[in-house]
Amino acid sequence: MSEINNPTGTNIVINNTQKVVLNLFTEAIKDEISGKDYKELKEILKNYEKEPDKAKTKLIEKLKGFGSDILTNIVANIMTNPNFYSGLF
């Protein structure tokens, strides 16, 4: 188990499986977009708890801006990761 602090000041406890899944997603995204774009995504998500609807709209706009090729590659990276696909069978 790990404990992380989120922007609201509350602690979140996650287990190792959740940590692997989180890393799988973040690495798949980092592999396909620039560092600048990744920082922008993080900034959008920082505001999610304050203004969820506004943050979600901004996130969707940003993701659409990457184009379908980038989003397809992110999904493919996730689905072909052994930690993901081994759980399917």
N, C-alpha and C. Protein backbone atom coordinates (compact mmCIF):
# COMPACT_ATOMS: atom_id res chain seq x y z
N MET A 1 0.83 -1.18 0.00
CA MET A 1 0.00 0.00 0.00
C MET A 1 0.88 1.24 0.00
N SER A 2 0.43 2.24 -0.74
CA SER A 2 1.11 3.52 -0.78
C SER A 2 0.12 4.61 -0.43
N GLU A 3 0.64 5.69 0.07
CA GLU A 3 -0.21 6.82 0.40
C GLU A 3 0.27 8.01 -0.40
N ILE A 4 -0.67 8.69 -1.08
CA ILE A 4 -0.31 9.88 -1.84
C ILE A 4 -1.18 11.03 -1.38
N ASN A 5 -0.65 12.23 -1.51
CA ASN A 5 -1.42 13.42 -1.19
C ASN A 5 -1.99 13.98 -2.47
N ASN A 6 -3.24 14.38 -2.43
CA ASN A 6 -3.82 15.03 -3.60
C ASN A 6 -4.00 16.51 -3.29
N PRO A 7 -4.34 17.31 -4.30
CA PRO A 7 -4.41 18.76 -4.11
C PRO A 7 -5.40 19.21 -3.04
N THR A 8 -6.38 18.38 -2.70
CA THR A 8 -7.36 18.79 -1.70
C THR A 8 -6.83 18.63 -0.29
N GLY A 9 -5.65 18.03 -0.16
CA GLY A 9 -5.05 17.85 1.15
C GLY A 9 -5.43 16.54 1.83
N THR A 10 -6.28 15.76 1.18
CA THR A 10 -6.63 14.47 1.75
C THR A 10 -5.66 13.42 1.24
N ASN A 11 -5.42 12.42 2.05
CA ASN A 11 -4.53 11.34 1.65
C ASN A 11 -5.34 10.25 0.96
N ILE A 12 -4.76 9.67 -0.08
CA ILE A 12 -5.39 8.58 -0.80
C ILE A 12 -4.49 7.36 -0.64
N VAL A 13 -5.08 6.26 -0.22
CA VAL A 13 -4.32 5.02 -0.08
C VAL A 13 -4.60 4.16 -1.30
N ILE A 14 -3.52 3.74 -1.97
CA ILE A 14 -3.67 2.88 -3.14
C ILE A 14 -2.83 1.63 -2.94
N ASN A 15 -3.31 0.53 -3.50
CA ASN A 15 -2.53 -0.70 -3.39
C ASN A 15 -1.62 -0.84 -4.60
N ASN A 16 -0.76 -1.84 -4.58
CA ASN A 16 0.22 -2.00 -5.65
C ASN A 16 -0.41 -2.24 -7.00
N THR A 17 -1.53 -2.96 -7.05
CA THR A 17 -2.21 -3.20 -8.32
C THR A 17 -2.71 -1.89 -8.91
N GLN A 18 -3.29 -1.05 -8.08
CA GLN A 18 -3.76 0.24 -8.56
C GLN A 18 -2.60 1.10 -9.04
N LYS A 19 -1.47 1.00 -8.37
CA LYS A 19 -0.29 1.76 -8.76
C LYS A 19 0.21 1.31 -10.13
N VAL A 20 0.20 0.00 -10.38
CA VAL A 20 0.63 -0.54 -11.67
C VAL A 20 -0.30 -0.03 -12.77
N VAL A 21 -1.60 -0.05 -12.51
CA VAL A 21 -2.57 0.42 -13.50
C VAL A 21 -2.38 1.91 -13.77
N LEU A 22 -2.19 2.69 -12.72
CA LEU A 22 -1.96 4.12 -12.89
C LEU A 22 -0.69 4.37 -13.70
N ASN A 23 0.38 3.66 -13.38
CA ASN A 23 1.63 3.81 -14.13
C ASN A 23 1.46 3.39 -15.58
N LEU A 24 0.68 2.34 -15.82
CA LEU A 24 0.42 1.88 -17.18
C LEU A 24 -0.21 3.00 -18.01
N PHE A 25 -1.21 3.66 -17.45
CA PHE A 25 -1.88 4.74 -18.16
C PHE A 25 -0.96 5.95 -18.35
N THR A 26 -0.27 6.36 -17.30
CA THR A 26 0.58 7.55 -17.43
C THR A 26 1.72 7.31 -18.40
N GLU A 27 2.32 6.13 -18.39
CA GLU A 27 3.41 5.83 -19.33
C GLU A 27 2.90 5.78 -20.76
N ALA A 28 1.72 5.21 -20.97
CA ALA A 28 1.15 5.15 -22.32
C ALA A 28 0.92 6.55 -22.87
N ILE A 29 0.47 7.44 -22.02
CA ILE A 29 0.23 8.82 -22.44
C ILE A 29 1.56 9.53 -22.70
N LYS A 30 2.50 9.40 -21.77
CA LYS A 30 3.81 10.06 -21.91
C LYS A 30 4.54 9.61 -23.16
N ASP A 31 4.36 8.34 -23.56
CA ASP A 31 5.04 7.82 -24.74
C ASP A 31 4.55 8.46 -26.03
N GLU A 32 3.36 9.02 -26.02
CA GLU A 32 2.75 9.50 -27.26
C GLU A 32 2.64 11.01 -27.39
N ILE A 33 2.76 11.75 -26.29
CA ILE A 33 2.62 13.20 -26.38
C ILE A 33 3.88 13.88 -25.86
N SER A 34 3.98 15.16 -26.16
CA SER A 34 5.16 15.92 -25.72
C SER A 34 5.08 16.20 -24.22
N GLY A 35 6.22 16.53 -23.66
CA GLY A 35 6.27 16.90 -22.25
C GLY A 35 5.39 18.10 -21.94
N LYS A 36 5.36 19.04 -22.88
CA LYS A 36 4.53 20.24 -22.71
C LYS A 36 3.05 19.86 -22.65
N ASP A 37 2.63 18.98 -23.57
CA ASP A 37 1.23 18.54 -23.58
C ASP A 37 0.88 17.78 -22.30
N TYR A 38 1.82 16.97 -21.82
CA TYR A 38 1.58 16.21 -20.59
C TYR A 38 1.40 17.16 -19.40
N LYS A 39 2.22 18.20 -19.34
CA LYS A 39 2.10 19.19 -18.27
C LYS A 39 0.75 19.91 -18.34
N GLU A 40 0.29 20.19 -19.58
CA GLU A 40 -1.00 20.85 -19.74
C GLU A 40 -2.14 19.95 -19.26
N LEU A 41 -2.05 18.65 -19.54
CA LEU A 41 -3.06 17.71 -19.05
C LEU A 41 -3.09 17.70 -17.52
N LYS A 42 -1.92 17.68 -16.91
CA LYS A 42 -1.85 17.68 -15.45
C LYS A 42 -2.47 18.96 -14.88
N GLU A 43 -2.22 20.09 -15.52
CA GLU A 43 -2.78 21.36 -15.06
C GLU A 43 -4.31 21.34 -15.13
N ILE A 44 -4.83 20.80 -16.23
CA ILE A 44 -6.28 20.70 -16.38
C ILE A 44 -6.86 19.85 -15.26
N LEU A 45 -6.21 18.72 -14.98
CA LEU A 45 -6.73 17.80 -13.97
C LEU A 45 -6.60 18.34 -12.54
N LYS A 46 -5.65 19.26 -12.32
CA LYS A 46 -5.51 19.87 -11.00
C LYS A 46 -6.78 20.62 -10.61
N ASN A 47 -7.48 21.14 -11.60
CA ASN A 47 -8.68 21.94 -11.35
C ASN A 47 -9.96 21.10 -11.32
N TYR A 48 -9.82 19.80 -11.48
CA TYR A 48 -11.01 18.94 -11.59
C TYR A 48 -11.89 18.99 -10.34
N GLU A 49 -11.30 18.93 -9.16
CA GLU A 49 -12.11 18.91 -7.94
C GLU A 49 -12.84 20.23 -7.71
N LYS A 50 -12.24 21.34 -8.12
CA LYS A 50 -12.87 22.65 -7.95
C LYS A 50 -14.01 22.85 -8.95
N GLU A 51 -13.72 22.53 -10.21
CA GLU A 51 -14.68 22.75 -11.29
C GLU A 51 -14.70 21.54 -12.22
N PRO A 52 -15.35 20.45 -11.80
CA PRO A 52 -15.30 19.21 -12.58
C PRO A 52 -15.83 19.34 -14.01
N ASP A 53 -16.94 20.03 -14.19
CA ASP A 53 -17.50 20.15 -15.54
C ASP A 53 -16.58 20.93 -16.48
N LYS A 54 -16.05 22.03 -15.97
CA LYS A 54 -15.15 22.86 -16.77
C LYS A 54 -13.86 22.09 -17.10
N ALA A 55 -13.32 21.40 -16.11
CA ALA A 55 -12.08 20.64 -16.32
C ALA A 55 -12.31 19.51 -17.31
N LYS A 56 -13.44 18.83 -17.20
CA LYS A 56 -13.73 17.73 -18.12
C LYS A 56 -13.86 18.24 -19.55
N THR A 57 -14.53 19.37 -19.72
CA THR A 57 -14.67 19.96 -21.05
C THR A 57 -13.31 20.32 -21.63
N LYS A 58 -12.45 20.94 -20.82
CA LYS A 58 -11.10 21.30 -21.27
C LYS A 58 -10.29 20.06 -21.61
N LEU A 59 -10.43 19.01 -20.79
CA LEU A 59 -9.70 17.77 -21.03
C LEU A 59 -10.13 17.14 -22.35
N ILE A 60 -11.42 17.10 -22.60
CA ILE A 60 -11.92 16.53 -23.86
C ILE A 60 -11.41 17.33 -25.05
N GLU A 61 -11.44 18.65 -24.95
CA GLU A 61 -10.93 19.50 -26.04
C GLU A 61 -9.45 19.22 -26.29
N LYS A 62 -8.68 19.10 -25.22
CA LYS A 62 -7.24 18.85 -25.34
C LYS A 62 -6.99 17.50 -25.99
N LEU A 63 -7.71 16.47 -25.53
CA LEU A 63 -7.53 15.13 -26.10
C LEU A 63 -7.93 15.09 -27.57
N LYS A 64 -9.01 15.75 -27.93
CA LYS A 64 -9.43 15.81 -29.34
C LYS A 64 -8.36 16.49 -30.18
N GLY A 65 -7.69 17.48 -29.59
CA GLY A 65 -6.64 18.20 -30.29
C GLY A 65 -5.44 17.34 -30.65
N PHE A 66 -5.23 16.25 -29.93
CA PHE A 66 -4.12 15.35 -30.25
C PHE A 66 -4.37 14.61 -31.55
N GLY A 67 -5.62 14.42 -31.91
CA GLY A 67 -5.97 13.68 -33.12
C GLY A 67 -6.16 12.20 -32.84
N SER A 68 -6.85 11.56 -33.76
CA SER A 68 -7.20 10.16 -33.55
C SER A 68 -5.99 9.24 -33.57
N ASP A 69 -4.95 9.57 -34.33
CA ASP A 69 -3.76 8.71 -34.37
C ASP A 69 -3.09 8.61 -33.00
N ILE A 70 -2.94 9.74 -32.34
CA ILE A 70 -2.30 9.75 -31.02
C ILE A 70 -3.16 8.98 -30.02
N LEU A 71 -4.46 9.25 -30.02
CA LEU A 71 -5.34 8.57 -29.07
C LEU A 71 -5.39 7.07 -29.33
N THR A 72 -5.37 6.68 -30.61
CA THR A 72 -5.34 5.26 -30.95
C THR A 72 -4.06 4.62 -30.44
N ASN A 73 -2.93 5.30 -30.60
CA ASN A 73 -1.65 4.77 -30.11
C ASN A 73 -1.64 4.63 -28.59
N ILE A 74 -2.23 5.58 -27.89
CA ILE A 74 -2.29 5.49 -26.42
C ILE A 74 -3.09 4.26 -26.01
N VAL A 75 -4.26 4.07 -26.63
CA VAL A 75 -5.09 2.91 -26.29
C VAL A 75 -4.37 1.62 -26.64
N ALA A 76 -3.70 1.58 -27.80
CA ALA A 76 -2.96 0.38 -28.20
C ALA A 76 -1.83 0.08 -27.22
N ASN A 77 -1.12 1.11 -26.77
CA ASN A 77 -0.04 0.91 -25.79
C ASN A 77 -0.58 0.32 -24.49
N ILE A 78 -1.73 0.78 -24.07
CA ILE A 78 -2.33 0.26 -22.84
C ILE A 78 -2.74 -1.19 -23.04
N MET A 79 -3.43 -1.47 -24.15
CA MET A 79 -3.97 -2.81 -24.36
C MET A 79 -2.91 -3.86 -24.64
N THR A 80 -1.75 -3.44 -25.15
CA THR A 80 -0.68 -4.41 -25.44
C THR A 80 0.33 -4.53 -24.31
N ASN A 81 0.12 -3.79 -23.24
CA ASN A 81 0.98 -3.92 -22.08
C ASN A 81 0.67 -5.25 -21.39
N PRO A 82 1.70 -6.04 -21.09
CA PRO A 82 1.46 -7.35 -20.45
C PRO A 82 0.64 -7.28 -19.17
N ASN A 83 0.79 -6.22 -18.41
CA ASN A 83 0.00 -6.08 -17.18
C ASN A 83 -1.48 -5.93 -17.47
N PHE A 84 -1.81 -5.42 -18.64
CA PHE A 84 -3.21 -5.26 -19.02
C PHE A 84 -3.75 -6.52 -19.67
N TYR A 85 -3.10 -6.94 -20.75
CA TYR A 85 -3.71 -8.03 -21.52
C TYR A 85 -3.65 -9.37 -20.81
N SER A 86 -2.72 -9.57 -19.88
CA SER A 86 -2.70 -10.83 -19.14
C SER A 86 -3.94 -10.98 -18.26
N GLY A 87 -4.52 -9.87 -17.87
CA GLY A 87 -5.74 -9.90 -17.07
C GLY A 87 -6.99 -10.20 -17.88
N LEU A 88 -6.86 -10.17 -19.21
CA LEU A 88 -8.01 -10.43 -20.06
C LEU A 88 -8.29 -11.91 -20.25
N PHE A 89 -7.27 -12.74 -20.01
CA PHE A 89 -7.42 -14.17 -20.32
C PHE A 89 -7.40 -15.04 -19.10
